[in-house]
C-alpha atoms as a PDB file:
ATOM      1  CA  UNK A   1       0.110  -0.007   0.075  1.00  0.00           C
ATOM      2  CA  UNK A   2       1.324   3.353  -0.747  1.00  0.00           C
ATOM      3  CA  UNK A   3       0.273   7.115   0.870  1.00  0.00           C
ATOM      4  CA  UNK A   4       0.153   9.558  -1.682  1.00  0.00           C
ATOM      5  CA  UNK A   5       0.053  13.316  -0.482  1.00  0.00           C
ATOM      6  CA  UNK A   6      -0.745  15.578  -3.371  1.00  0.00           C
ATOM      7  CA  UNK A   7      -0.805  19.464  -2.930  1.00  0.00           C
ATOM      8  CA  UNK A   8      -2.939  21.217  -6.062  1.00  0.00           C
ATOM      9  CA  UNK A   9      -4.114  24.362  -5.937  1.00  0.00           C
ATOM     10  CA  UNK A  10      -7.835  25.397  -4.710  1.00  0.00           C
ATOM     11  CA  UNK A  11      -9.400  25.656  -7.875  1.00  0.00           C
ATOM     12  CA  UNK A  12      -8.169  22.749  -9.093  1.00  0.00           C
ATOM     13  CA  UNK A  13      -9.407  20.546  -5.900  1.00  0.00           C
ATOM     14  CA  UNK A  14     -13.194  20.500  -6.170  1.00  0.00           C
ATOM     15  CA  UNK A  15     -13.072  18.881  -9.360  1.00  0.00           C
ATOM     16  CA  UNK A  16      -9.965  16.302  -8.366  1.00  0.00           C
ATOM     17  CA  UNK A  17     -11.915  15.206  -5.593  1.00  0.00           C
ATOM     18  CA  UNK A  18     -15.124  14.213  -7.527  1.00  0.00           C
ATOM     19  CA  UNK A  19     -12.896  12.177 -10.386  1.00  0.00           C
ATOM     20  CA  UNK A  20     -10.779  10.236  -7.076  1.00  0.00           C
ATOM     21  CA  UNK A  21     -14.075   9.395  -5.504  1.00  0.00           C
ATOM     22  CA  UNK A  22     -16.046   8.665  -9.300  1.00  0.00           C
ATOM     23  CA  UNK A  23     -12.660   6.041  -9.523  1.00  0.00           C
ATOM     24  CA  UNK A  24     -13.881   4.514  -5.847  1.00  0.00           C
ATOM     25  CA  UNK A  25     -10.518   6.266  -4.180  1.00  0.00           C
ATOM     26  CA  UNK A  26     -10.896   7.884  -0.573  1.00  0.00           C
ATOM     27  CA  UNK A  27      -9.449  11.073  -0.448  1.00  0.00           C
ATOM     28  CA  UNK A  28      -8.866  13.704   2.504  1.00  0.00           C
ATOM     29  CA  UNK A  29      -8.754  17.166   2.149  1.00  0.00           C
ATOM     30  CA  UNK A  30      -6.494  19.519   3.898  1.00  0.00           C
ATOM     31  CA  UNK A  31      -6.168  23.388   3.676  1.00  0.00           C
ATOM     32  CA  UNK A  32      -2.853  24.839   2.881  1.00  0.00           C
ATOM     33  CA  UNK A  33      -1.316  27.791   2.278  1.00  0.00           C
ATOM     34  CA  UNK A  34       1.431  27.564  -0.756  1.00  0.00           C
ATOM     35  CA  UNK A  35       4.750  29.493   0.368  1.00  0.00           C
ATOM     36  CA  UNK A  36       5.930  31.714  -2.050  1.00  0.00           C
ATOM     37  CA  UNK A  37       2.586  32.806  -3.393  1.00  0.00           C
ATOM     38  CA  UNK A  38       0.809  33.067   0.103  1.00  0.00           C
ATOM     39  CA  UNK A  39      -2.115  31.677  -1.837  1.00  0.00           C
ATOM     40  CA  UNK A  40      -4.644  28.901  -1.189  1.00  0.00           C
ATOM     41  CA  UNK A  41      -3.789  25.260  -1.553  1.00  0.00           C
ATOM     42  CA  UNK A  42      -5.465  22.137  -1.305  1.00  0.00           C
ATOM     43  CA  UNK A  43      -3.376  18.730   0.023  1.00  0.00           C
ATOM     44  CA  UNK A  44      -5.128  15.729  -1.144  1.00  0.00           C
ATOM     45  CA  UNK A  45      -4.334  12.420   1.144  1.00  0.00           C
ATOM     46  CA  UNK A  46      -5.386   8.840  -0.473  1.00  0.00           C
ATOM     47  CA  UNK A  47      -4.485   5.462   0.822  1.00  0.00           C
ATOM     48  CA  UNK A  48      -3.760   3.458  -2.435  1.00  0.00           C
ATOM     49  CA  UNK A  49      -2.625  -0.131  -3.596  1.00  0.00           C
ATOM     50  CA  UNK A  50       0.199  -0.171  -5.124  1.00  0.00           C
ATOM     51  CA  UNK A  51      -1.432  -2.025  -8.380  1.00  0.00           C
ATOM     52  CA  UNK A  52      -3.331   1.363  -8.150  1.00  0.00           C
ATOM     53  CA  UNK A  53      -0.787   4.266  -7.763  1.00  0.00           C
ATOM     54  CA  UNK A  54      -0.597   4.965 -11.547  1.00  0.00           C
ATOM     55  CA  UNK A  55      -4.385   5.057 -12.478  1.00  0.00           C
ATOM     56  CA  UNK A  56      -4.122   7.259  -9.239  1.00  0.00           C
ATOM     57  CA  UNK A  57      -1.562   9.547 -10.461  1.00  0.00           C
ATOM     58  CA  UNK A  58      -3.034   9.594 -13.550  1.00  0.00           C
ATOM     59  CA  UNK A  59      -6.266  11.186 -12.675  1.00  0.00           C
ATOM     60  CA  UNK A  60      -4.413  13.816 -10.383  1.00  0.00           C
ATOM     61  CA  UNK A  61      -2.797  14.657 -13.921  1.00  0.00           C
ATOM     62  CA  UNK A  62      -5.266  15.072 -16.124  1.00  0.00           C
ATOM     63  CA  UNK A  63      -7.258  17.723 -13.249  1.00  0.00           C
ATOM     64  CA  UNK A  64      -4.211  19.620 -12.344  1.00  0.00           C
ATOM     65  CA  UNK A  65      -3.315  22.066 -15.283  1.00  0.00           C
ATOM     66  CA  UNK A  66      -0.823  25.049 -14.901  1.00  0.00           C
ATOM     67  CA  UNK A  67      -1.174  28.601 -15.968  1.00  0.00           C
ATOM     68  CA  UNK A  68      -0.038  32.008 -15.397  1.00  0.00           C
ATOM     69  CA  UNK A  69      -1.335  34.711 -13.551  1.00  0.00           C
ATOM     70  CA  UNK A  70      -0.120  38.071 -12.632  1.00  0.00           C
ATOM     71  CA  UNK A  71       0.923  38.697  -8.889  1.00  0.00           C
ATOM     72  CA  UNK A  72       2.054  41.766  -7.727  1.00  0.00           C
ATOM     73  CA  UNK A  73       5.569  41.777  -5.248  1.00  0.00           C
ATOM     74  CA  UNK A  74       6.873  44.148  -3.232  1.00  0.00           C
ATOM     75  CA  UNK A  75      10.410  45.655  -4.200  1.00  0.00           C
ATOM     76  CA  UNK A  76      13.139  45.497  -1.514  1.00  0.00           C
ATOM     77  CA  UNK A  77      12.792  47.968   0.947  1.00  0.00           C
ATOM     78  CA  UNK A  78      16.065  50.783   0.104  1.00  0.00           C
ATOM     79  CA  UNK A  79      15.712  53.276   3.106  1.00  0.00           C
ATOM     80  CA  UNK A  80      15.013  56.541   1.572  1.00  0.00           C
ATOM     81  CA  UNK A  81      12.788  55.117  -1.130  1.00  0.00           C
ATOM     82  CA  UNK A  82       9.754  54.110  -2.320  1.00  0.00           C
ATOM     83  CA  UNK A  83       8.803  50.726  -2.202  1.00  0.00           C
ATOM     84  CA  UNK A  84       6.688  50.445  -5.975  1.00  0.00           C
ATOM     85  CA  UNK A  85       5.004  47.211  -6.223  1.00  0.00           C
ATOM     86  CA  UNK A  86       6.047  45.023  -9.253  1.00  0.00           C
ATOM     87  CA  UNK A  87       3.871  43.356 -11.317  1.00  0.00           C
ATOM     88  CA  UNK A  88       5.206  39.612 -12.375  1.00  0.00           C
ATOM     89  CA  UNK A  89       4.051  36.621 -14.013  1.00  0.00           C
ATOM     90  CA  UNK A  90       3.694  33.824 -12.546  1.00  0.00           C
ATOM     91  CA  UNK A  91       3.407  30.243 -13.564  1.00  0.00           C
ATOM     92  CA  UNK A  92       0.990  28.326 -10.912  1.00  0.00           C
ATOM     93  CA  UNK A  93      -1.481  25.014 -11.042  1.00  0.00           C
ATOM     94  CA  UNK A  94      -0.182  21.584 -12.212  1.00  0.00           C
ATOM     95  CA  UNK A  95       0.475  19.062  -8.935  1.00  0.00           C
ATOM     96  CA  UNK A  96       3.040  18.455  -6.593  1.00  0.00           C
ATOM     97  CA  UNK A  97       2.410  14.373  -5.891  1.00  0.00           C
ATOM     98  CA  UNK A  98       4.937  12.522  -3.273  1.00  0.00           C
ATOM     99  CA  UNK A  99       3.981   8.564  -2.998  1.00  0.00           C
ATOM    100  CA  UNK A 100       5.196   6.973   0.208  1.00  0.00           C
ATOM    101  CA  UNK A 101       5.287   3.384   1.129  1.00  0.00           C
ATOM    102  CA  UNK A 102       3.250   2.479   4.317  1.00  0.00           C
ATOM    103  CA  UNK A 103       4.314  -0.186   6.658  1.00  0.00           C
ATOM    104  CA  UNK A 104       1.090  -0.641   7.931  1.00  0.00           C
ATOM    105  CA  UNK A 105      -1.909   0.509   7.445  1.00  0.00           C
ATOM    106  CA  UNK A 106      -5.570  -0.129   9.918  1.00  0.00           C
ATOM    107  CA  UNK A 107      -8.961   0.670   9.423  1.00  0.00           C
ATOM    108  CA  UNK A 108     -10.865   0.826  12.458  1.00  0.00           C
END
């Protein structure tokens, strides 16, 4: 058995969860926040049998797309200088999936 931890953007999470459940996988959603953009993410946790890992990962891959957004960042604060926000294009989305071995699993 494997534990799959997937970090996805909030905009992709609901559709992804629906697709995961349609394929009879169980999933737990945990709200999380990204460190760089400080934007909302969802961390999905699922226990998956070894022979179903590729099927699960394909569901994630097919439902989490990258996109570009404009994000305004603050410039470095230099004494005596005005801080002017600078808009930049940033690629976001997709998914990060971690597949971990499960030593033991119990359901009560």
